[in-house]
Protein backbone atom coordinates (compact mmCIF):
# COMPACT_ATOMS: atom_id res chain seq x y z
CA MET A 1 78.73 69.79 6.07
CA ALA A 2 76.95 66.66 4.80
CA ALA A 3 78.32 63.21 6.15
CA GLU A 4 80.17 61.22 3.42
CA LEU A 5 78.39 57.80 2.72
CA VAL A 6 80.67 54.97 3.13
CA GLU A 7 80.09 52.11 0.74
CA PRO A 8 80.08 48.80 2.23
CA HIS A 9 83.11 46.47 1.24
CA PRO A 10 82.36 44.35 -1.85
CA LEU A 11 83.24 41.22 0.25
CA VAL A 12 80.64 41.99 2.89
CA VAL A 13 78.08 42.73 0.21
CA CYS A 14 78.78 39.35 -1.60
CA ALA A 15 78.50 37.33 1.67
CA ALA A 16 75.15 39.07 2.28
CA GLU A 17 73.88 38.41 -1.04
CA LEU A 18 74.85 34.83 -0.98
CA HIS A 19 72.69 34.42 2.32
CA ARG A 20 69.84 36.25 0.49
CA VAL A 21 69.91 34.15 -2.58
CA ILE A 22 69.92 30.92 -0.64
CA ASP A 23 67.05 32.22 1.72
CA SER A 24 64.89 32.64 -1.50
CA ILE A 25 65.06 28.91 -2.36
CA PRO A 26 61.46 27.84 -1.62
CA SER A 27 60.96 24.96 0.75
CA GLY A 28 60.71 21.54 -0.96
CA ALA A 29 62.44 23.03 -4.19
CA TRP A 30 64.40 19.76 -4.63
CA ASP A 31 61.35 17.71 -4.82
CA SER A 32 60.36 19.03 -7.97
CA LEU A 33 63.41 18.33 -9.73
CA ASP A 34 64.05 15.04 -11.67
CA ALA A 35 67.12 12.92 -10.88
CA GLY A 36 69.16 14.31 -14.17
CA ALA A 37 68.36 17.72 -13.04
CA ALA A 38 69.10 17.19 -9.38
CA ARG A 39 72.41 15.72 -10.39
CA ALA A 40 73.54 18.76 -12.62
CA VAL A 41 72.66 21.13 -9.74
CA VAL A 42 74.54 19.32 -7.14
CA ALA A 43 77.61 19.44 -9.42
CA ASP A 44 77.12 23.00 -10.14
CA LEU A 45 76.75 23.69 -6.37
CA SER A 46 79.96 21.77 -5.87
CA ARG A 47 81.65 24.28 -8.34
CA VAL A 48 80.03 27.25 -6.20
CA GLN A 49 81.48 25.61 -3.10
CA ALA A 50 85.04 25.60 -4.70
CA ARG A 51 84.76 29.22 -5.52
CA VAL A 52 83.46 30.04 -2.03
CA GLN A 53 86.45 28.19 -0.62
CA ALA A 54 88.91 30.03 -2.80
CA GLN A 55 87.79 33.24 -0.94
CA GLN A 56 88.06 31.36 2.24
CA LEU A 57 91.61 30.52 1.40
CA ARG A 58 92.47 34.27 0.66
CA GLY A 59 90.71 35.16 3.83
CA ALA A 60 92.61 32.79 5.75
CA ALA A 61 96.06 34.12 4.29
CA ARG A 62 95.06 37.53 5.25
CA LEU A 63 94.32 36.80 8.84
CA GLU A 64 97.61 34.68 9.03
CA ALA A 65 99.58 37.63 7.74
CA SER A 66 97.78 40.20 10.05
CA GLY A 67 98.55 38.39 13.33
CA ALA A 68 94.86 38.46 14.17
CA ALA A 69 94.95 35.24 16.08
CA LYS A 70 97.42 36.48 18.57
CA ALA A 71 95.65 40.02 19.03
CA ALA A 72 92.28 37.84 19.82
CA GLY A 73 94.06 35.48 22.39
CA ALA A 74 93.83 32.43 19.84
CA THR A 75 96.82 30.06 19.77
CA SER A 76 96.74 29.95 15.78
CA THR A 77 94.80 31.24 12.88
CA GLY A 78 93.14 27.90 12.67
CA ASP A 79 92.11 28.02 16.33
CA LEU A 80 90.64 31.66 15.62
CA LEU A 81 88.67 30.50 12.38
CA ALA A 82 87.37 27.20 14.24
CA GLY A 83 86.24 29.59 17.17
CA ASP A 84 84.31 31.64 14.77
CA PHE A 85 82.29 28.86 13.09
CA GLY A 86 82.07 25.16 13.40
CA GLY A 87 84.65 24.51 16.08
CA ASP A 88 86.55 22.16 13.87
CA ARG A 89 90.21 23.06 14.43
CA ARG A 90 91.41 20.47 11.98
CA ALA A 91 89.45 21.63 9.27
CA ALA A 92 90.45 25.30 10.01
CA ASP A 93 94.08 24.31 10.13
CA ARG A 94 93.69 22.76 6.88
CA PHE A 95 92.32 26.01 5.30
CA VAL A 96 95.27 27.87 6.66
CA ARG A 97 97.90 25.28 5.18
CA ALA A 98 95.89 25.24 1.96
CA SER A 99 96.13 28.78 1.66
CA LYS A 100 99.97 28.78 1.65
CA GLN A 101 100.11 25.96 -0.84
CA VAL A 102 97.52 27.28 -3.15
CA GLY A 103 98.23 30.91 -2.77
CA SER A 104 101.76 30.41 -3.92
CA ALA A 105 100.43 28.79 -7.29
CA SER A 106 98.76 31.56 -9.23
CA ALA A 107 97.18 29.41 -11.86
CA THR A 108 96.04 27.12 -9.24
CA GLN A 109 94.38 29.85 -7.30
CA ALA A 110 92.78 31.01 -10.49
CA ALA A 111 91.46 27.70 -11.21
CA LEU A 112 89.89 27.38 -7.89
CA ASP A 113 88.36 30.89 -7.96
CA ALA A 114 86.70 29.64 -11.36
CA GLY A 115 85.35 26.70 -9.86
CA GLU A 116 87.36 24.49 -12.28
CA VAL A 117 88.98 22.41 -9.51
CA SER A 118 88.16 21.38 -6.08
CA LEU A 119 89.96 22.52 -2.85
CA GLY A 120 91.30 18.97 -2.53
CA GLN A 121 92.71 19.08 -6.14
CA ALA A 122 94.15 22.45 -5.63
CA GLU A 123 96.10 21.29 -2.55
CA ILE A 124 97.50 18.48 -4.22
CA VAL A 125 98.69 20.67 -7.14
CA GLY A 126 100.00 23.37 -4.97
CA GLY A 127 101.90 20.85 -2.77
CA ALA A 128 103.47 19.09 -5.77
CA LEU A 129 104.96 22.33 -7.09
CA ALA A 130 106.88 22.98 -3.98
CA GLY A 131 109.85 20.98 -5.17
CA VAL A 132 109.75 22.22 -8.88
CA PRO A 133 112.48 24.69 -10.04
CA ASP A 134 111.15 28.12 -10.59
CA HIS A 135 111.58 28.07 -14.35
CA LYS A 136 109.71 24.97 -14.72
CA ARG A 137 106.88 25.62 -12.23
CA ALA A 138 104.42 27.10 -14.92
CA LEU A 139 104.74 24.08 -17.24
CA ALA A 140 104.22 21.56 -14.62
CA GLU A 141 101.39 23.50 -12.94
CA ALA A 142 99.51 23.84 -16.25
CA ALA A 143 99.90 20.11 -16.81
CA LEU A 144 98.57 19.17 -13.23
CA ILE A 145 95.53 21.56 -13.61
CA ARG A 146 94.54 19.80 -16.84
CA ASP A 147 94.96 16.30 -15.22
CA ALA A 148 93.08 17.39 -12.09
CA LYS A 149 89.93 18.22 -14.38
CA LYS A 150 89.76 14.38 -15.49
CA LEU A 151 91.37 12.41 -12.54
CA SER A 152 90.31 11.34 -9.30
CA ILE A 153 91.94 12.55 -6.22
CA LYS A 154 93.72 9.29 -5.74
CA ASP A 155 95.08 9.39 -9.35
CA LEU A 156 95.88 13.12 -9.37
CA ARG A 157 97.98 12.47 -6.27
CA ARG A 158 99.95 9.59 -8.15
CA ARG A 159 100.19 12.12 -11.18
CA ALA A 160 101.71 14.76 -8.89
CA ASP A 161 104.22 12.22 -7.73
CA ARG A 162 105.30 12.22 -11.37
CA VAL A 163 105.31 15.90 -11.93
CA ARG A 164 108.99 15.85 -13.09
CA ASP A 165 107.64 14.03 -16.24
CA THR A 166 106.80 17.21 -17.55
CA TYR A 167 110.40 18.75 -17.66
CA ALA A 168 113.00 16.14 -16.56
CA PRO A 169 114.36 12.79 -18.20
CA LYS A 170 112.50 9.73 -17.26
CA ASP A 171 115.44 8.42 -15.03
CA GLU A 172 115.41 11.54 -12.95
CA ALA A 173 111.63 11.50 -12.76
CA ASP A 174 111.51 7.91 -11.62
CA ALA A 175 114.09 8.68 -8.89
CA ALA A 176 112.17 11.72 -7.66
CA GLU A 177 108.87 9.82 -7.53
CA ASN A 178 110.56 7.07 -5.50
CA GLU A 179 112.11 9.45 -2.97
CA THR A 180 108.52 11.24 -2.76
CA ILE A 181 106.68 8.08 -2.02
CA GLN A 182 109.59 6.87 0.49
CA ASP A 183 109.22 10.11 2.35
CA ARG A 184 105.41 9.73 2.48
CA GLU A 185 105.81 6.14 3.82
CA ARG A 186 108.04 7.45 6.49
CA ARG A 187 105.73 10.07 7.50
CA ALA A 188 102.71 7.63 7.31
CA ARG A 189 104.51 5.28 9.83
CA ALA A 190 105.41 8.03 12.11
CA SER A 191 101.80 9.14 12.24
CA ALA A 192 100.18 5.60 12.87
CA LYS A 193 98.09 4.95 15.80
CA PHE A 194 95.60 2.60 17.09
CA ARG A 195 93.26 2.81 20.07
CA MET A 196 90.65 0.58 21.37
CA TRP A 197 88.12 1.17 24.28
CA ASP A 198 85.54 -1.12 26.00
CA ASN A 199 81.89 0.02 25.45
CA ARG A 200 80.87 -1.93 28.44
CA ASP A 201 78.02 -3.51 26.58
CA GLY A 202 79.87 -6.47 25.09
CA THR A 203 81.55 -4.54 22.18
CA CYS A 204 84.63 -2.50 21.69
CA SER A 205 85.09 0.53 19.54
CA GLY A 206 88.27 2.33 18.24
CA ASP A 207 90.00 4.20 15.67
CA PHE A 208 93.45 3.86 13.76
CA LYS A 209 95.48 5.49 11.34
CA ILE A 210 97.85 3.25 9.31
CA PRO A 211 99.99 3.67 6.02
CA GLU A 212 97.98 3.12 2.79
CA ALA A 213 99.81 -0.17 1.81
CA GLN A 214 98.75 -1.81 5.03
CA ALA A 215 95.22 -0.34 4.71
CA ASP A 216 94.90 -1.79 1.16
CA ARG A 217 95.68 -5.10 2.69
CA LEU A 218 93.42 -4.91 5.52
CA LYS A 219 90.56 -3.71 3.36
CA ALA A 220 91.09 -6.43 0.70
CA ALA A 221 90.89 -8.97 3.46
CA VAL A 222 87.70 -7.75 5.05
CA ASP A 223 86.21 -7.48 1.58
CA ALA A 224 86.88 -10.78 0.80
CA ILE A 225 85.20 -12.04 3.86
CA ALA A 226 82.23 -9.66 3.34
CA ALA A 227 81.40 -10.45 -0.06
CA PRO A 228 77.61 -10.72 -0.49
CA ARG A 229 77.74 -14.28 -1.76
CA ARG A 230 79.36 -15.48 1.25
CA ALA A 231 76.50 -16.75 3.34
CA HIS A 232 78.58 -17.48 6.60
CA LEU A 233 78.00 -13.92 7.94
CA ALA A 234 74.13 -14.33 7.70
CA ASP A 235 73.68 -16.10 10.83
CA GLU A 236 70.27 -16.15 12.64
CA ASP A 237 71.24 -13.91 15.55
CA ALA A 238 72.96 -11.02 13.52
CA ARG A 239 72.02 -10.73 9.68
CA PRO A 240 73.84 -7.81 8.30
CA THR A 241 71.53 -4.90 8.02
CA ASP A 242 73.70 -2.75 5.83
CA THR A 243 77.29 -2.57 4.24
CA ALA A 244 78.85 -1.21 7.41
CA HIS A 245 77.39 -3.90 9.50
CA ARG A 246 78.49 -6.45 7.05
CA MET A 247 81.97 -5.01 7.12
CA GLY A 248 81.89 -5.05 10.94
CA MET A 249 81.06 -8.73 11.14
CA ALA A 250 83.73 -9.58 8.37
CA PHE A 251 86.33 -7.57 10.41
CA ALA A 252 85.41 -9.61 13.62
CA ASP A 253 85.68 -12.85 11.62
CA LEU A 254 88.88 -11.79 10.42
CA CYS A 255 90.23 -11.25 13.92
CA ASP A 256 89.18 -14.80 14.69
CA HIS A 257 91.54 -16.06 12.06
CA LEU A 258 94.48 -14.11 12.57
CA PRO A 259 97.69 -16.10 12.61
CA THR A 260 99.74 -15.39 15.80
CA ASP A 261 102.67 -17.93 15.25
CA GLY A 262 104.75 -15.47 13.31
CA LEU A 263 104.25 -12.42 15.73
CA PRO A 264 107.11 -11.32 18.12
CA SER A 265 107.06 -12.66 21.49
CA ALA A 266 106.23 -10.45 24.48
CA GLY A 267 107.56 -11.25 27.95
CA GLY A 268 108.59 -14.98 26.62
CA SER A 269 105.26 -15.89 25.09
CA GLY A 270 103.65 -15.23 21.73
CA ALA A 271 100.49 -13.34 20.96
CA THR A 272 98.36 -16.20 22.03
CA VAL A 273 94.85 -15.74 23.35
CA THR A 274 93.82 -18.65 25.66
CA VAL A 275 90.37 -19.55 26.78
CA THR A 276 89.78 -21.28 29.98
CA LEU A 277 86.67 -23.43 30.58
CA ASP A 278 85.69 -26.42 32.47
CA LEU A 279 85.65 -29.78 30.70
CA GLU A 280 81.73 -30.00 31.14
CA ALA A 281 81.45 -26.72 29.30
CA LEU A 282 83.54 -28.19 26.43
CA ARG A 283 81.24 -31.19 26.17
CA GLY A 284 78.16 -28.72 25.73
CA GLN A 285 77.03 -27.74 29.50
CA LEU A 286 76.02 -24.27 29.74
CA ARG A 287 78.71 -22.64 31.68
CA ALA A 288 80.81 -19.36 30.77
CA ALA A 289 84.36 -19.33 30.16
CA THR A 290 87.15 -16.80 30.48
CA LEU A 291 89.73 -15.51 28.07
CA SER A 292 93.36 -14.86 29.15
CA THR A 293 92.46 -11.08 28.85
CA GLY A 294 89.89 -11.63 31.68
CA THR A 295 86.80 -11.21 29.11
CA ARG A 296 83.98 -13.68 29.85
CA VAL A 297 82.36 -15.48 27.07
CA SER A 298 79.35 -17.83 26.74
CA ALA A 299 79.90 -21.68 26.57
CA SER A 300 79.01 -21.58 22.89
CA GLN A 301 81.53 -18.92 22.12
CA ALA A 302 84.18 -20.68 24.12
CA ARG A 303 83.67 -23.90 22.17
CA GLN A 304 83.93 -22.27 19.02
CA LEU A 305 87.11 -20.49 20.00
CA ALA A 306 88.41 -23.76 21.23
CA CYS A 307 87.97 -25.26 17.68
CA ARG A 308 89.77 -22.68 15.99
CA ALA A 309 93.31 -22.37 15.12
CA ARG A 310 95.79 -20.64 17.27
CA ILE A 311 93.15 -20.25 20.06
CA LEU A 312 94.57 -22.38 22.97
CA PRO A 313 92.03 -24.09 24.93
CA ALA A 314 93.02 -24.62 28.55
CA VAL A 315 90.62 -27.14 29.99
CA LEU A 316 90.13 -27.42 33.65
CA GLY A 317 89.41 -30.87 34.76
CA GLY A 318 90.83 -32.36 31.61
CA THR A 319 94.45 -33.41 30.66
CA SER A 320 96.65 -30.55 31.44
CA LEU A 321 99.81 -29.52 29.44
CA PRO A 322 103.35 -30.26 31.14
CA LEU A 323 103.80 -27.28 33.23
CA ASP A 324 106.67 -28.48 35.66
CA LEU A 325 110.19 -28.56 34.61
CA GLY A 326 111.80 -28.56 38.01
CA ARG A 327 115.60 -27.98 37.71
CA THR A 328 116.01 -29.05 34.09
CA GLN A 329 115.40 -25.35 32.62
CA ARG A 330 116.15 -22.11 34.28
CA LEU A 331 113.77 -19.99 32.13
CA PHE A 332 110.04 -20.55 32.00
CA SER A 333 108.91 -22.25 28.88
CA PRO A 334 106.10 -20.63 26.50
CA THR A 335 103.52 -23.15 27.76
CA GLN A 336 104.19 -22.23 31.34
CA ARG A 337 103.87 -18.41 30.41
CA ILE A 338 100.55 -19.04 28.98
CA ALA A 339 99.52 -20.89 32.14
CA LEU A 340 100.95 -18.04 34.48
CA ALA A 341 99.25 -15.71 32.20
CA MET A 342 95.87 -17.48 32.70
CA ARG A 343 96.29 -17.74 36.61
CA ASP A 344 97.99 -14.29 37.15
CA GLY A 345 96.13 -12.10 34.55
CA GLY A 346 99.16 -9.96 34.52
CA CYS A 347 101.60 -8.38 36.93
CA VAL A 348 100.71 -9.71 40.46
CA PHE A 349 102.05 -6.90 42.58
CA PRO A 350 99.09 -5.14 44.37
CA GLY A 351 97.66 -2.20 42.51
CA CYS A 352 99.57 -3.00 39.00
CA ASP A 353 97.44 -3.33 36.02
CA ARG A 354 100.23 -4.38 33.56
CA PRO A 355 98.84 -7.25 31.27
CA PRO A 356 100.68 -10.41 30.77
CA PRO A 357 102.63 -9.36 27.70
CA TRP A 358 104.33 -6.56 29.64
CA THR A 359 105.51 -8.98 32.38
CA GLU A 360 108.35 -11.29 33.23
CA ALA A 361 108.29 -14.71 34.84
CA HIS A 362 109.56 -14.66 38.37
CA HIS A 363 110.95 -17.40 40.53
CA ILE A 364 109.24 -17.37 43.92
CA THR A 365 111.99 -19.40 45.35
CA PRO A 366 115.14 -17.97 43.54
CA TRP A 367 116.88 -20.14 41.06
CA SER A 368 120.09 -19.41 43.01
CA ASP A 369 118.36 -21.04 46.06
CA ASP A 370 117.52 -24.31 44.04
CA GLY A 371 114.08 -22.75 43.25
CA PRO A 372 112.35 -24.98 40.56
CA THR A 373 110.99 -23.73 37.35
CA ASP A 374 107.61 -24.82 38.01
CA LEU A 375 104.04 -23.15 37.83
CA SER A 376 103.88 -23.49 41.64
CA ASP A 377 106.94 -21.52 42.10
CA GLY A 378 106.30 -18.98 39.29
CA ALA A 379 104.64 -15.44 39.29
CA LEU A 380 104.38 -12.72 36.61
CA LEU A 381 105.76 -9.24 37.42
CA CYS A 382 106.16 -6.10 35.25
CA PRO A 383 109.88 -5.14 35.14
CA PHE A 384 109.30 -2.12 37.43
CA HIS A 385 107.88 -4.27 40.21
CA HIS A 386 110.36 -7.12 39.52
CA HIS A 387 113.01 -4.64 40.59
CA VAL A 388 110.79 -3.43 43.46
CA VAL A 389 110.43 -7.12 44.76
CA HIS A 390 114.13 -7.82 44.39
CA ASP A 391 115.29 -4.46 45.92
CA HIS A 392 113.07 -4.52 48.89
CA GLY A 393 112.78 -8.31 49.65
CA TRP A 394 109.27 -8.73 49.11
CA GLN A 395 108.18 -12.11 49.82
CA LEU A 396 105.86 -14.08 47.43
CA ARG A 397 103.74 -17.17 48.07
CA ILE A 398 100.89 -19.23 46.46
CA SER A 399 97.88 -18.96 48.81
CA PRO A 400 96.93 -22.34 50.35
CA ASP A 401 93.34 -21.48 50.06
CA ASP A 402 92.86 -20.73 46.38
CA GLY A 403 96.06 -20.72 44.38
CA THR A 404 96.40 -17.02 44.11
CA VAL A 405 99.89 -15.22 44.40
CA GLU A 406 100.30 -13.12 47.57
CA LEU A 407 102.91 -10.79 48.55
CA ARG A 408 104.27 -9.16 51.76
CA LEU A 409 107.13 -7.06 53.07
CA PRO A 410 109.65 -8.70 55.43
CA GLY A 411 108.51 -8.25 59.00
CA HIS A 412 104.96 -7.77 57.98
CA GLN A 413 102.23 -10.34 58.77
CA HIS A 414 99.52 -9.26 56.23
CA TRP A 415 99.61 -11.01 52.77
CA GLN A 416 98.43 -8.70 49.94
CA ARG A 417 97.08 -9.60 46.40
CA ASN A 418 96.45 -7.77 43.24
CA HIS A 419 92.88 -6.22 43.01
CA ARG A 420 92.05 -8.17 39.90
CA TYR A 421 91.60 -11.14 41.98
CA ARG A 422 88.54 -9.79 43.38
CA SER A 423 86.70 -9.85 40.01
CA GLY A 424 86.35 -13.67 40.12
CA ARG A 425 88.94 -14.92 37.81
CA SER A 426 89.09 -18.64 37.25
CA SER A 427 91.30 -20.75 39.16
CA PRO A 428 94.55 -21.70 37.55
CA PRO A 429 94.79 -24.93 35.61
CA SER A 430 95.47 -28.21 37.24
CA ARG A 431 98.79 -29.96 37.07
CA GLN A 432 99.30 -33.48 36.41
């Protein structure tokens, strides 16, 4: 008996044919196209991409329903897809979510199948229909698909917020839009994040995620500083080489001008950066200075910071601020807090790395024992180590050799100090 021939599945044939067609494109084909034709082909390929993505959504839905991920030892369908190609778990998870949103909207799926809308547009339409009553879905979906063909993604999202305009009274649509936006804002604040890290080359990098309204304000501020007609960014040492560089320089300039007087206090002092430098450096000598964060800066940078608003210069060898209050006040003043932050650099307990804003000012001689509220009798301790010092009777003193805070347990001879003092921080400001 002759063996029965098994025809390959249409999807397998389709994928192979797509590869064959792309392989047939001659090398350098784009070079022979004029700009107008190239633009038309790119747009047509975007529609092809949308049609391919429509099939990918169907495939993701099929895998999700089959439980294939668990059988393969993957944590989710997105994890399974990311492992098969690309390794981008976030993008794969997006496909799985989109397959549920778009798959439940038949007209939207058909528009994506035909390449009439993009995947992003289809996701917005499918998501907007979730709160629409069943008997109104077809009307609302048709209206959103029509809008998707002529609106940008941002405008389509705003239009989707007003989806009830197609079937509900204006007052009801207004209230629904407000509720939608409020919910989005709550979720945006809940997912906000900010990270920074030291590149160890004089620069820092980071990433952040903030709500749209605050992002618009930040972008507007940086754009205003980065405007090409503003020549202040084009200094001799670092002329902007491209838009990203110009925006980066503008962002750094914005940081230099941030107001801090309205920010919350942390540990008794506001969000103030101090720069510690010798009087000679301020007068033009080539001597580096230290920020309250421990960062070393050049003499020219220190003089620039000292001139700018809300950057507090602490000049060693010059006239100091009033730092001693004796018994006239129990709590340390903001000025004293700044001076302690400059001297201690954070929690003074050995091994602790908590920065100044996370600390509390501690009387070395207890206030109850007539201890003065003076810089020479104060030290910064984080809340945890503040309790440790009181609970276990740790003794503190200002070193007679270099003015550094030292600690020891009762009955011990060896005085200990925090590791940061080995990095050569500047000595504390002088007192009058």
